[in-house]
């Protein structure tokens, strides 16, 4: 599953692409330039173990507003709850 967020000047490079593998355990984050869609950096996160690191990385790439929108999309599509959700 893949989604491209074309954020523009509020993100490093302007484009953030998120891929979730079939088992919904590995999240790949790719940020790219706006004009050429040229890859700047790719990082992978294991959702269950690195969800907080993913959150921090997204906040480095873009504003907290867009980071939370991307995190919400990942949470819904990976089928797991956020690391910041209340624990029971």
Protein backbone atom coordinates (compact mmCIF):
# COMPACT_ATOMS: atom_id res chain seq x y z
CA UNK A 1 0.00 0.00 0.00
CA UNK A 2 1.40 3.39 -0.95
CA UNK A 3 0.38 7.03 -0.59
CA UNK A 4 2.12 10.14 -1.83
CA UNK A 5 1.71 13.38 0.14
CA UNK A 6 2.48 16.40 -2.06
CA UNK A 7 2.96 18.95 0.69
CA UNK A 8 5.07 21.59 -1.10
CA UNK A 9 7.11 24.13 0.80
CA UNK A 10 6.02 22.80 4.20
CA UNK A 11 8.11 19.64 3.74
CA UNK A 12 11.75 18.90 2.95
CA UNK A 13 11.78 18.48 -0.83
CA UNK A 14 8.01 18.90 -1.00
CA UNK A 15 6.95 15.25 -1.45
CA UNK A 16 6.67 12.52 1.17
CA UNK A 17 5.79 9.02 0.03
CA UNK A 18 4.75 6.31 2.49
CA UNK A 19 4.75 2.59 1.70
CA UNK A 20 3.37 -0.12 3.99
CA UNK A 21 4.42 -3.70 3.24
CA UNK A 22 1.87 -6.50 2.83
CA UNK A 23 2.29 -7.78 6.39
CA UNK A 24 1.72 -4.21 7.64
CA UNK A 25 4.83 -4.26 9.82
CA UNK A 26 7.34 -2.22 7.79
CA UNK A 27 6.83 1.44 6.95
CA UNK A 28 9.05 3.05 4.31
CA UNK A 29 9.29 6.84 4.17
CA UNK A 30 10.70 8.47 1.05
CA UNK A 31 11.06 12.20 0.66
CA UNK A 32 11.65 13.65 -2.79
CA UNK A 33 12.11 16.92 -4.62
CA UNK A 34 9.06 18.65 -6.03
CA UNK A 35 10.34 19.39 -9.53
CA UNK A 36 11.99 16.12 -10.54
CA UNK A 37 10.50 13.77 -7.93
CA UNK A 38 14.13 12.84 -7.20
CA UNK A 39 14.69 10.85 -4.01
CA UNK A 40 16.40 12.76 -1.20
CA UNK A 41 16.27 10.04 1.46
CA UNK A 42 14.55 6.74 2.22
CA UNK A 43 14.10 5.37 5.74
CA UNK A 44 12.36 2.26 7.00
CA UNK A 45 10.61 1.78 10.32
CA UNK A 46 9.16 -1.34 11.94
CA UNK A 47 5.78 -0.10 13.07
CA UNK A 48 5.46 -1.96 16.36
CA UNK A 49 9.01 -1.09 17.50
CA UNK A 50 9.76 2.24 15.82
CA UNK A 51 6.47 4.12 15.81
CA UNK A 52 7.89 6.87 18.03
CA UNK A 53 11.00 7.16 15.81
CA UNK A 54 8.69 7.43 12.81
CA UNK A 55 6.82 10.26 14.52
CA UNK A 56 10.07 12.11 15.26
CA UNK A 57 11.33 11.65 11.71
CA UNK A 58 8.09 12.94 10.20
CA UNK A 59 8.36 16.02 12.41
CA UNK A 60 11.86 16.60 11.01
CA UNK A 61 10.57 16.40 7.44
CA UNK A 62 7.48 18.56 7.77
CA UNK A 63 5.28 20.54 10.15
CA UNK A 64 3.54 18.86 13.06
CA UNK A 65 0.20 19.27 11.27
CA UNK A 66 1.27 17.24 8.23
CA UNK A 67 3.25 14.80 10.37
CA UNK A 68 0.09 13.99 12.33
CA UNK A 69 -1.94 13.60 9.10
CA UNK A 70 0.64 11.15 7.74
CA UNK A 71 0.82 9.28 11.07
CA UNK A 72 -2.97 9.01 11.14
CA UNK A 73 -2.98 7.53 7.61
CA UNK A 74 -0.30 5.00 8.62
CA UNK A 75 -2.20 4.10 11.78
CA UNK A 76 -5.42 3.46 9.88
CA UNK A 77 -3.82 1.56 7.00
CA UNK A 78 -1.35 -0.48 9.02
CA UNK A 79 -4.26 -1.66 11.18
CA UNK A 80 -2.64 -0.80 14.50
CA UNK A 81 -3.09 1.95 17.01
CA UNK A 82 -0.76 4.89 17.44
CA UNK A 83 2.05 4.82 19.97
CA UNK A 84 0.41 7.86 21.57
CA UNK A 85 -3.00 6.23 22.02
CA UNK A 86 -4.00 5.41 25.56
CA UNK A 87 -2.81 2.05 26.76
CA UNK A 88 -5.28 -0.32 28.39
